[in-house]
Amino acid sequence: MSTSPLTTTFSVRSLAGELPATVRVSNLFTLLQSAGHDAWNRPAKTQPCFLSAEVGFSQPFDSAAASDKLGEDTVHYGTLSKALLSSLNSYSPLDNGDEADESVQAVLGKLWGDLTGQDLEGQSTGSDKSFFAKGSLGKTVRLLSLTVVLPKASLLGEGINYTATAVFKEDGTVDARAMQMRILKLRVPTLIGVNANEREAKQMVITTVTVEQVARKVDLFTKVEGIVVKALEESSFETLEALGTHLIDCVADGYVNTEDYLVHILMEKPIAVPLADCPIVEVRRLVKDYYR
């Protein structure tokens, strides 16, 4: 079975289209104890964790709606929640010194495999047990998205998350897949602005960094956060447009993905416009990384 190449989350969802029915579980709280890295890049430190799942269906809930009972055309969100918690609690990294086995992606891969019987690249795990019934991927389940959030894994932000998303063909194979890493709302005092008063002192800039098409399987979010924070602290730009472009340059210089990837920078200046929550500027760019 060939592996579907990584693309962006937007592209995967666009391919899925307007789904007629969806079931979600959002922010299921648990503890991550045997994998992942904390805000200081220390491995396997116990920290809070939120799990979210989205199951998009290829057909409406006709049977469940007509009978008012759960059937094969839907999924029980309570059972899905229990399956997610059971999968995470049973995760144990291999004792081989491989950083990839201690990463957030490894945890995400365990969750994905236990639900689908496939790994994150769409290959069969060889297990005859999975949450979704055999044959339901593609025929019933069109889209699956899983997110692992570590709210305490950022020194200056509101946490980090990894999200895996895939669309399935009718035969159950992966049609398109995405892997996204996000560092949420880094709050860094920054010298930024075109007005004379803004050149006199730093103001808070809140920055969210998203990396799409993540191919590296080790945790690199602390490295990316350090790159972005350093660039913000040293900034003397007048415009967010120039600052955002510079931040992508800095990420591209310091983050090696082994494949081309997309960087998305979202910047907020909450003090700049007194009568608005904040002005927001977003910058996206595809980084050509295949040959590095």
C-alpha atoms as a PDB file:
ATOM      1  CA  MET A   1       0.000   0.000   0.000  1.00  0.00           C
ATOM      2  CA  SER A   2       1.569   3.310  -1.068  1.00  0.00           C
ATOM      3  CA  THR A   3       1.794   6.207   1.369  1.00  0.00           C
ATOM      4  CA  SER A   4      -0.211   9.342   0.664  1.00  0.00           C
ATOM      5  CA  PRO A   5       2.092  12.409   0.745  1.00  0.00           C
ATOM      6  CA  LEU A   6       1.622  15.013   3.455  1.00  0.00           C
ATOM      7  CA  THR A   7      -0.386  18.096   2.595  1.00  0.00           C
ATOM      8  CA  THR A   8      -1.956  20.914   4.611  1.00  0.00           C
ATOM      9  CA  THR A   9      -4.934  20.571   6.929  1.00  0.00           C
ATOM     10  CA  PHE A  10      -6.830  23.047   4.754  1.00  0.00           C
ATOM     11  CA  SER A  11      -6.242  20.884   1.673  1.00  0.00           C
ATOM     12  CA  VAL A  12      -7.428  17.737   3.448  1.00  0.00           C
ATOM     13  CA  ARG A  13     -10.601  19.405   4.673  1.00  0.00           C
ATOM     14  CA  SER A  14     -11.227  20.910   1.247  1.00  0.00           C
ATOM     15  CA  LEU A  15     -11.023  17.440  -0.276  1.00  0.00           C
ATOM     16  CA  ALA A  16     -13.501  16.130   2.295  1.00  0.00           C
ATOM     17  CA  GLY A  17     -15.988  18.826   1.329  1.00  0.00           C
ATOM     18  CA  GLU A  18     -19.161  19.704   3.228  1.00  0.00           C
ATOM     19  CA  LEU A  19     -19.767  16.594   5.298  1.00  0.00           C
ATOM     20  CA  PRO A  20     -23.419  15.769   6.059  1.00  0.00           C
ATOM     21  CA  ALA A  21     -22.773  14.640   9.643  1.00  0.00           C
ATOM     22  CA  THR A  22     -20.039  14.966  12.267  1.00  0.00           C
ATOM     23  CA  VAL A  23     -19.373  13.807  15.833  1.00  0.00           C
ATOM     24  CA  ARG A  24     -16.756  15.562  17.966  1.00  0.00           C
ATOM     25  CA  VAL A  25     -15.208  15.146  21.389  1.00  0.00           C
ATOM     26  CA  SER A  26     -13.406  18.313  22.500  1.00  0.00           C
ATOM     27  CA  ASN A  27     -10.740  18.782  25.173  1.00  0.00           C
ATOM     28  CA  LEU A  28     -10.930  15.457  26.971  1.00  0.00           C
ATOM     29  CA  PHE A  29      -8.656  15.954  29.971  1.00  0.00           C
ATOM     30  CA  THR A  30      -6.043  13.439  31.081  1.00  0.00           C
ATOM     31  CA  LEU A  31      -2.370  13.250  32.082  1.00  0.00           C
ATOM     32  CA  LEU A  32       0.507  12.482  29.743  1.00  0.00           C
ATOM     33  CA  GLN A  33       3.107  10.607  31.759  1.00  0.00           C
ATOM     34  CA  SER A  34       5.361   8.485  29.570  1.00  0.00           C
ATOM     35  CA  ALA A  35       5.992  10.584  26.469  1.00  0.00           C
ATOM     36  CA  GLY A  36       6.251  14.082  25.097  1.00  0.00           C
ATOM     37  CA  HIS A  37       8.477  16.930  26.268  1.00  0.00           C
ATOM     38  CA  ASP A  38       7.749  19.761  28.654  1.00  0.00           C
ATOM     39  CA  ALA A  39       8.415  23.486  28.221  1.00  0.00           C
ATOM     40  CA  TRP A  40      12.114  22.959  29.072  1.00  0.00           C
ATOM     41  CA  ASN A  41      12.367  20.098  26.546  1.00  0.00           C
ATOM     42  CA  ARG A  42      12.636  17.454  29.263  1.00  0.00           C
ATOM     43  CA  PRO A  43      11.250  14.081  28.107  1.00  0.00           C
ATOM     44  CA  ALA A  44       8.437  12.085  29.713  1.00  0.00           C
ATOM     45  CA  LYS A  45       7.568  14.576  32.453  1.00  0.00           C
ATOM     46  CA  THR A  46       4.002  14.203  33.699  1.00  0.00           C
ATOM     47  CA  GLN A  47       1.881  17.075  32.391  1.00  0.00           C
ATOM     48  CA  PRO A  48      -1.764  17.867  31.656  1.00  0.00           C
ATOM     49  CA  CYS A  49      -3.067  16.830  28.268  1.00  0.00           C
ATOM     50  CA  PHE A  50      -6.245  17.442  26.287  1.00  0.00           C
ATOM     51  CA  LEU A  51      -7.474  15.086  23.582  1.00  0.00           C
ATOM     52  CA  SER A  52      -9.916  16.044  20.830  1.00  0.00           C
ATOM     53  CA  ALA A  53     -11.413  13.928  18.068  1.00  0.00           C
ATOM     54  CA  GLU A  54     -13.566  14.729  15.048  1.00  0.00           C
ATOM     55  CA  VAL A  55     -15.288  12.043  13.002  1.00  0.00           C
ATOM     56  CA  GLY A  56     -16.838  13.215   9.738  1.00  0.00           C
ATOM     57  CA  PHE A  57     -19.307  10.888   8.030  1.00  0.00           C
ATOM     58  CA  SER A  58     -19.915  10.344   4.348  1.00  0.00           C
ATOM     59  CA  GLN A  59     -23.683   9.935   4.799  1.00  0.00           C
ATOM     60  CA  PRO A  60     -26.358  11.541   7.019  1.00  0.00           C
ATOM     61  CA  PHE A  61     -27.518   9.885  10.257  1.00  0.00           C
ATOM     62  CA  ASP A  62     -30.560   8.391   8.506  1.00  0.00           C
ATOM     63  CA  SER A  63     -30.801   5.167  10.525  1.00  0.00           C
ATOM     64  CA  ALA A  64     -29.995   6.747  13.882  1.00  0.00           C
ATOM     65  CA  ALA A  65     -32.398   9.611  13.241  1.00  0.00           C
ATOM     66  CA  ALA A  66     -35.257   7.328  12.135  1.00  0.00           C
ATOM     67  CA  SER A  67     -34.927   4.860  15.027  1.00  0.00           C
ATOM     68  CA  ASP A  68     -33.666   7.320  17.646  1.00  0.00           C
ATOM     69  CA  LYS A  69     -31.003   4.738  18.467  1.00  0.00           C
ATOM     70  CA  LEU A  70     -27.296   4.629  17.755  1.00  0.00           C
ATOM     71  CA  GLY A  71     -26.395   2.506  14.745  1.00  0.00           C
ATOM     72  CA  GLU A  72     -23.584   1.880  12.285  1.00  0.00           C
ATOM     73  CA  ASP A  73     -24.079   5.275  10.644  1.00  0.00           C
ATOM     74  CA  THR A  74     -22.760   7.144  13.696  1.00  0.00           C
ATOM     75  CA  VAL A  75     -20.394   6.740  16.635  1.00  0.00           C
ATOM     76  CA  HIS A  76     -21.095   6.921  20.370  1.00  0.00           C
ATOM     77  CA  TYR A  77     -19.154   9.925  21.683  1.00  0.00           C
ATOM     78  CA  GLY A  78     -18.963   8.365  25.149  1.00  0.00           C
ATOM     79  CA  THR A  79     -17.442   5.177  23.767  1.00  0.00           C
ATOM     80  CA  LEU A  80     -15.088   7.247  21.616  1.00  0.00           C
ATOM     81  CA  SER A  81     -13.963   9.174  24.700  1.00  0.00           C
ATOM     82  CA  LYS A  82     -13.268   5.960  26.596  1.00  0.00           C
ATOM     83  CA  ALA A  83     -11.327   4.567  23.639  1.00  0.00           C
ATOM     84  CA  LEU A  84      -9.125   7.668  23.502  1.00  0.00           C
ATOM     85  CA  LEU A  85      -8.350   7.543  27.223  1.00  0.00           C
ATOM     86  CA  SER A  86      -7.701   3.797  27.151  1.00  0.00           C
ATOM     87  CA  SER A  87      -5.339   4.175  24.206  1.00  0.00           C
ATOM     88  CA  LEU A  88      -3.352   6.969  25.838  1.00  0.00           C
ATOM     89  CA  ASN A  89      -3.137   5.208  29.194  1.00  0.00           C
ATOM     90  CA  SER A  90      -1.790   2.052  27.548  1.00  0.00           C
ATOM     91  CA  TYR A  91       0.951   3.899  25.659  1.00  0.00           C
ATOM     92  CA  SER A  92       4.470   2.826  26.540  1.00  0.00           C
ATOM     93  CA  PRO A  93       7.468   4.030  24.505  1.00  0.00           C
ATOM     94  CA  LEU A  94      10.035   1.513  23.345  1.00  0.00           C
ATOM     95  CA  ASP A  95      13.127   1.482  25.526  1.00  0.00           C
ATOM     96  CA  ASN A  96      15.542   1.979  22.642  1.00  0.00           C
ATOM     97  CA  GLY A  97      16.721   5.553  23.131  1.00  0.00           C
ATOM     98  CA  ASP A  98      14.870   6.750  20.036  1.00  0.00           C
ATOM     99  CA  GLU A  99      13.510  10.281  20.569  1.00  0.00           C
ATOM    100  CA  ALA A 100      10.716   9.605  18.092  1.00  0.00           C
ATOM    101  CA  ASP A 101       9.248   6.982  20.445  1.00  0.00           C
ATOM    102  CA  GLU A 102       8.979   9.607  23.208  1.00  0.00           C
ATOM    103  CA  SER A 103       7.366  12.306  21.066  1.00  0.00           C
ATOM    104  CA  VAL A 104       3.871  13.754  20.952  1.00  0.00           C
ATOM    105  CA  GLN A 105       3.566  12.375  17.425  1.00  0.00           C
ATOM    106  CA  ALA A 106       4.237   8.881  18.785  1.00  0.00           C
ATOM    107  CA  VAL A 107       1.327   9.315  21.190  1.00  0.00           C
ATOM    108  CA  LEU A 108      -0.829  10.633  18.370  1.00  0.00           C
ATOM    109  CA  GLY A 109       0.190   7.623  16.283  1.00  0.00           C
ATOM    110  CA  LYS A 110      -0.884   5.265  19.079  1.00  0.00           C
ATOM    111  CA  LEU A 111      -4.300   6.921  19.297  1.00  0.00           C
ATOM    112  CA  TRP A 112      -4.668   6.868  15.514  1.00  0.00           C
ATOM    113  CA  GLY A 113      -3.656   3.223  15.225  1.00  0.00           C
ATOM    114  CA  ASP A 114      -6.011   2.063  17.970  1.00  0.00           C
ATOM    115  CA  LEU A 115      -8.920   3.851  16.303  1.00  0.00           C
ATOM    116  CA  THR A 116      -8.249   2.982  12.660  1.00  0.00           C
ATOM    117  CA  GLY A 117      -5.879   0.009  12.486  1.00  0.00           C
ATOM    118  CA  GLN A 118      -3.545   2.227  10.427  1.00  0.00           C
ATOM    119  CA  ASP A 119      -0.464   4.253  11.294  1.00  0.00           C
ATOM    120  CA  LEU A 120      -0.208   7.980  10.625  1.00  0.00           C
ATOM    121  CA  GLU A 121       1.092   7.287   7.116  1.00  0.00           C
ATOM    122  CA  GLY A 122      -1.916   5.156   6.225  1.00  0.00           C
ATOM    123  CA  GLN A 123      -0.185   1.781   6.491  1.00  0.00           C
ATOM    124  CA  SER A 124      -1.861  -1.130   8.289  1.00  0.00           C
ATOM    125  CA  THR A 125      -0.665  -1.673  11.862  1.00  0.00           C
ATOM    126  CA  GLY A 126      -1.326  -5.400  11.524  1.00  0.00           C
ATOM    127  CA  SER A 127      -3.759  -5.355  14.436  1.00  0.00           C
ATOM    128  CA  ASP A 128      -7.121  -7.053  13.997  1.00  0.00           C
ATOM    129  CA  LYS A 129      -8.659  -4.822  16.667  1.00  0.00           C
ATOM    130  CA  SER A 130      -9.569  -1.189  16.130  1.00  0.00           C
ATOM    131  CA  PHE A 131     -12.270   1.157  17.363  1.00  0.00           C
ATOM    132  CA  PHE A 132     -13.834   1.641  13.947  1.00  0.00           C
ATOM    133  CA  ALA A 133     -15.383  -1.511  12.542  1.00  0.00           C
ATOM    134  CA  LYS A 134     -13.622  -3.154   9.628  1.00  0.00           C
ATOM    135  CA  GLY A 135     -14.860  -1.649   6.382  1.00  0.00           C
ATOM    136  CA  SER A 136     -16.264   1.503   7.998  1.00  0.00           C
ATOM    137  CA  LEU A 137     -13.353   3.742   6.986  1.00  0.00           C
ATOM    138  CA  GLY A 138     -14.261   5.437   3.731  1.00  0.00           C
ATOM    139  CA  LYS A 139     -17.740   3.916   3.450  1.00  0.00           C
ATOM    140  CA  THR A 140     -19.008   5.463   6.696  1.00  0.00           C
ATOM    141  CA  VAL A 141     -16.137   7.543   8.070  1.00  0.00           C
ATOM    142  CA  ARG A 142     -14.941  10.078   5.501  1.00  0.00           C
ATOM    143  CA  LEU A 143     -12.722  12.255   7.707  1.00  0.00           C
ATOM    144  CA  LEU A 144     -10.882  11.749  10.982  1.00  0.00           C
ATOM    145  CA  SER A 145      -8.985  14.388  12.932  1.00  0.00           C
ATOM    146  CA  LEU A 146      -7.183  13.860  16.256  1.00  0.00           C
ATOM    147  CA  THR A 147      -5.507  16.548  18.360  1.00  0.00           C
ATOM    148  CA  VAL A 148      -3.189  16.254  21.356  1.00  0.00           C
ATOM    149  CA  VAL A 149      -2.811  19.495  23.327  1.00  0.00           C
ATOM    150  CA  LEU A 150      -0.144  20.111  25.979  1.00  0.00           C
ATOM    151  CA  PRO A 151      -1.206  23.384  27.670  1.00  0.00           C
ATOM    152  CA  LYS A 152       1.903  23.589  29.882  1.00  0.00           C
ATOM    153  CA  ALA A 153       4.517  22.722  27.234  1.00  0.00           C
ATOM    154  CA  SER A 154       5.266  26.335  26.292  1.00  0.00           C
ATOM    155  CA  LEU A 155       7.240  28.806  28.418  1.00  0.00           C
ATOM    156  CA  LEU A 156       5.592  31.952  27.035  1.00  0.00           C
ATOM    157  CA  GLY A 157       2.509  30.636  25.247  1.00  0.00           C
ATOM    158  CA  GLU A 158      -0.791  28.921  25.959  1.00  0.00           C
ATOM    159  CA  GLY A 159       0.533  25.494  25.021  1.00  0.00           C
ATOM    160  CA  ILE A 160       1.294  23.421  21.957  1.00  0.00           C
ATOM    161  CA  ASN A 161      -0.683  20.923  19.947  1.00  0.00           C
ATOM    162  CA  TYR A 162      -0.280  18.354  17.224  1.00  0.00           C
ATOM    163  CA  THR A 163      -3.180  17.512  14.909  1.00  0.00           C
ATOM    164  CA  ALA A 164      -3.402  14.595  12.484  1.00  0.00           C
ATOM    165  CA  THR A 165      -6.148  14.756   9.847  1.00  0.00           C
ATOM    166  CA  ALA A 166      -7.001  12.359   7.034  1.00  0.00           C
ATOM    167  CA  VAL A 167      -9.664  11.755   4.416  1.00  0.00           C
ATOM    168  CA  PHE A 168     -10.394   8.153   3.451  1.00  0.00           C
ATOM    169  CA  LYS A 169     -11.288   6.644   0.113  1.00  0.00           C
ATOM    170  CA  GLU A 170     -14.240   4.263  -0.109  1.00  0.00           C
ATOM    171  CA  ASP A 171     -11.895   1.254   0.117  1.00  0.00           C
ATOM    172  CA  GLY A 172     -10.541   2.520   3.461  1.00  0.00           C
ATOM    173  CA  THR A 173      -7.168   3.741   2.207  1.00  0.00           C
ATOM    174  CA  VAL A 174      -6.002   7.291   2.877  1.00  0.00           C
ATOM    175  CA  ASP A 175      -6.915   9.816   0.190  1.00  0.00           C
ATOM    176  CA  ALA A 176      -5.046  12.734   1.793  1.00  0.00           C
ATOM    177  CA  ARG A 177      -3.381  13.337   5.150  1.00  0.00           C
ATOM    178  CA  ALA A 178      -1.976  16.224   7.163  1.00  0.00           C
ATOM    179  CA  MET A 179       0.208  16.645  10.240  1.00  0.00           C
ATOM    180  CA  GLN A 180       0.174  20.015  11.961  1.00  0.00           C
ATOM    181  CA  MET A 181       2.182  21.434  14.879  1.00  0.00           C
ATOM    182  CA  ARG A 182       1.027  24.615  16.562  1.00  0.00           C
ATOM    183  CA  ILE A 183       2.524  26.832  19.285  1.00  0.00           C
ATOM    184  CA  LEU A 184      -0.301  28.881  20.741  1.00  0.00           C
ATOM    185  CA  LYS A 185      -0.273  32.573  21.628  1.00  0.00           C
ATOM    186  CA  LEU A 186       3.313  33.373  22.550  1.00  0.00           C
ATOM    187  CA  ARG A 187       3.230  36.630  24.533  1.00  0.00           C
ATOM    188  CA  VAL A 188       6.467  38.542  23.924  1.00  0.00           C
ATOM    189  CA  PRO A 189       7.125  42.288  24.491  1.00  0.00           C
ATOM    190  CA  THR A 190       8.264  43.520  21.076  1.00  0.00           C
ATOM    191  CA  LEU A 191       9.448  46.796  19.565  1.00  0.00           C
ATOM    192  CA  ILE A 192       6.995  47.159  16.684  1.00  0.00           C
ATOM    193  CA  GLY A 193       4.979  49.979  15.125  1.00  0.00           C
ATOM    194  CA  VAL A 194       5.125  52.969  12.774  1.00  0.00           C
ATOM    195  CA  ASN A 195       4.027  55.661  15.241  1.00  0.00           C
ATOM    196  CA  ALA A 196       6.529  57.709  17.234  1.00  0.00           C
ATOM    197  CA  ASN A 197       5.145  56.540  20.579  1.00  0.00           C
ATOM    198  CA  GLU A 198       5.496  52.901  19.509  1.00  0.00           C
ATOM    199  CA  ARG A 199       9.228  53.403  18.946  1.00  0.00           C
ATOM    200  CA  GLU A 200       9.733  54.440  22.574  1.00  0.00           C
ATOM    201  CA  ALA A 201       8.878  51.138  24.278  1.00  0.00           C
ATOM    202  CA  LYS A 202       8.062  47.524  23.586  1.00  0.00           C
ATOM    203  CA  GLN A 203       4.442  46.361  23.452  1.00  0.00           C
ATOM    204  CA  MET A 204       2.945  42.920  23.713  1.00  0.00           C
ATOM    205  CA  VAL A 205       2.731  40.913  20.496  1.00  0.00           C
ATOM    206  CA  ILE A 206       0.825  37.633  20.705  1.00  0.00           C
ATOM    207  CA  THR A 207       2.072  35.170  18.113  1.00  0.00           C
ATOM    208  CA  THR A 208       0.727  31.770  17.089  1.00  0.00           C
ATOM    209  CA  VAL A 209       3.061  29.621  14.994  1.00  0.00           C
ATOM    210  CA  THR A 210       1.697  26.792  12.853  1.00  0.00           C
ATOM    211  CA  VAL A 211       3.838  24.324  10.925  1.00  0.00           C
ATOM    212  CA  GLU A 212       2.014  22.141   8.386  1.00  0.00           C
ATOM    213  CA  GLN A 213       3.250  18.953   6.678  1.00  0.00           C
ATOM    214  CA  VAL A 214       5.382  18.016   9.701  1.00  0.00           C
ATOM    215  CA  ALA A 215       7.546  15.073   8.656  1.00  0.00           C
ATOM    216  CA  ARG A 216      10.017  14.957  11.552  1.00  0.00           C
ATOM    217  CA  LYS A 217       8.734  12.607  14.253  1.00  0.00           C
ATOM    218  CA  VAL A 218      10.688  14.115  17.170  1.00  0.00           C
ATOM    219  CA  ASP A 219       9.445  16.960  19.371  1.00  0.00           C
ATOM    220  CA  LEU A 220      10.831  20.242  18.042  1.00  0.00           C
ATOM    221  CA  PHE A 221       8.289  22.699  19.403  1.00  0.00           C
ATOM    222  CA  THR A 222      10.616  24.046  22.118  1.00  0.00           C
ATOM    223  CA  LYS A 223      13.250  24.733  19.456  1.00  0.00           C
ATOM    224  CA  VAL A 224      10.765  26.553  17.227  1.00  0.00           C
ATOM    225  CA  GLU A 225       9.455  28.545  20.201  1.00  0.00           C
ATOM    226  CA  GLY A 226      12.992  29.605  21.092  1.00  0.00           C
ATOM    227  CA  ILE A 227      13.657  30.728  17.516  1.00  0.00           C
ATOM    228  CA  VAL A 228      10.480  32.817  17.368  1.00  0.00           C
ATOM    229  CA  VAL A 229      10.860  34.348  20.841  1.00  0.00           C
ATOM    230  CA  LYS A 230      14.453  35.410  20.113  1.00  0.00           C
ATOM    231  CA  ALA A 231      13.399  37.036  16.836  1.00  0.00           C
ATOM    232  CA  LEU A 232      10.546  38.902  18.544  1.00  0.00           C
ATOM    233  CA  GLU A 233      12.768  40.122  21.378  1.00  0.00           C
ATOM    234  CA  GLU A 234      15.334  41.462  18.901  1.00  0.00           C
ATOM    235  CA  SER A 235      12.758  43.011  16.561  1.00  0.00           C
ATOM    236  CA  SER A 236      12.838  46.648  15.514  1.00  0.00           C
ATOM    237  CA  PHE A 237      10.413  46.370  12.584  1.00  0.00           C
ATOM    238  CA  GLU A 238       7.725  48.962  11.978  1.00  0.00           C
ATOM    239  CA  THR A 239       5.116  46.653  10.434  1.00  0.00           C
ATOM    240  CA  LEU A 240       3.697  43.278  11.376  1.00  0.00           C
ATOM    241  CA  GLU A 241       3.917  42.341   7.708  1.00  0.00           C
ATOM    242  CA  ALA A 242       7.709  42.666   7.755  1.00  0.00           C
ATOM    243  CA  LEU A 243       7.974  41.029  11.177  1.00  0.00           C
ATOM    244  CA  GLY A 244       5.887  38.036  10.105  1.00  0.00           C
ATOM    245  CA  THR A 245       8.012  37.521   7.002  1.00  0.00           C
ATOM    246  CA  HIS A 246      11.155  37.709   9.149  1.00  0.00           C
ATOM    247  CA  LEU A 247       9.756  35.140  11.597  1.00  0.00           C
ATOM    248  CA  ILE A 248       9.177  32.674   8.758  1.00  0.00           C
ATOM    249  CA  ASP A 249      12.761  33.261   7.589  1.00  0.00           C
ATOM    250  CA  CYS A 250      14.010  32.493  11.106  1.00  0.00           C
ATOM    251  CA  VAL A 251      11.929  29.313  11.385  1.00  0.00           C
ATOM    252  CA  ALA A 252      13.094  28.185   7.941  1.00  0.00           C
ATOM    253  CA  ASP A 253      16.739  28.740   8.932  1.00  0.00           C
ATOM    254  CA  GLY A 254      16.475  26.786  12.182  1.00  0.00           C
ATOM    255  CA  TYR A 255      13.879  24.066  11.571  1.00  0.00           C
ATOM    256  CA  VAL A 256      14.764  21.158   9.286  1.00  0.00           C
ATOM    257  CA  ASN A 257      11.755  19.056   8.293  1.00  0.00           C
ATOM    258  CA  THR A 258      13.317  16.854   5.542  1.00  0.00           C
ATOM    259  CA  GLU A 259      10.289  17.658   3.348  1.00  0.00           C
ATOM    260  CA  ASP A 260       8.730  20.889   2.094  1.00  0.00           C
ATOM    261  CA  TYR A 261       6.470  22.424   4.723  1.00  0.00           C
ATOM    262  CA  LEU A 262       4.202  25.410   5.248  1.00  0.00           C
ATOM    263  CA  VAL A 263       4.722  27.968   8.027  1.00  0.00           C
ATOM    264  CA  HIS A 264       1.823  30.145   9.173  1.00  0.00           C
ATOM    265  CA  ILE A 265       2.460  33.106  11.500  1.00  0.00           C
ATOM    266  CA  LEU A 266      -0.494  34.869  13.163  1.00  0.00           C
ATOM    267  CA  MET A 267       0.328  38.055  15.099  1.00  0.00           C
ATOM    268  CA  GLU A 268      -1.924  40.115  17.375  1.00  0.00           C
ATOM    269  CA  LYS A 269      -1.220  43.624  18.759  1.00  0.00           C
ATOM    270  CA  PRO A 270      -3.811  44.009  21.532  1.00  0.00           C
ATOM    271  CA  ILE A 271      -2.727  47.542  22.579  1.00  0.00           C
ATOM    272  CA  ALA A 272      -2.469  49.058  19.090  1.00  0.00           C
ATOM    273  CA  VAL A 273      -6.164  49.865  18.491  1.00  0.00           C
ATOM    274  CA  PRO A 274      -7.853  50.894  21.767  1.00  0.00           C
ATOM    275  CA  LEU A 275     -11.425  50.330  20.566  1.00  0.00           C
ATOM    276  CA  ALA A 276     -10.770  46.860  19.093  1.00  0.00           C
ATOM    277  CA  ASP A 277      -9.695  43.608  20.675  1.00  0.00           C
ATOM    278  CA  CYS A 278      -6.628  43.660  18.464  1.00  0.00           C
ATOM    279  CA  PRO A 279      -5.444  44.037  14.883  1.00  0.00           C
ATOM    280  CA  ILE A 280      -4.275  40.734  13.402  1.00  0.00           C
ATOM    281  CA  VAL A 281      -1.854  40.060  10.566  1.00  0.00           C
ATOM    282  CA  GLU A 282      -1.226  36.579   9.152  1.00  0.00           C
ATOM    283  CA  VAL A 283       1.611  35.433   6.893  1.00  0.00           C
ATOM    284  CA  ARG A 284       1.989  32.024   5.210  1.00  0.00           C
ATOM    285  CA  ARG A 285       4.787  30.580   3.134  1.00  0.00           C
ATOM    286  CA  LEU A 286       5.807  27.198   1.751  1.00  0.00           C
ATOM    287  CA  VAL A 287       9.386  26.410   2.803  1.00  0.00           C
ATOM    288  CA  LYS A 288      11.327  24.367   0.267  1.00  0.00           C
ATOM    289  CA  ASP A 289      13.090  21.902   2.543  1.00  0.00           C
ATOM    290  CA  TYR A 290      13.192  18.671   0.543  1.00  0.00           C
ATOM    291  CA  TYR A 291      16.869  18.860  -0.431  1.00  0.00           C
ATOM    292  CA  ARG A 292      18.292  20.161   2.862  1.00  0.00           C
END
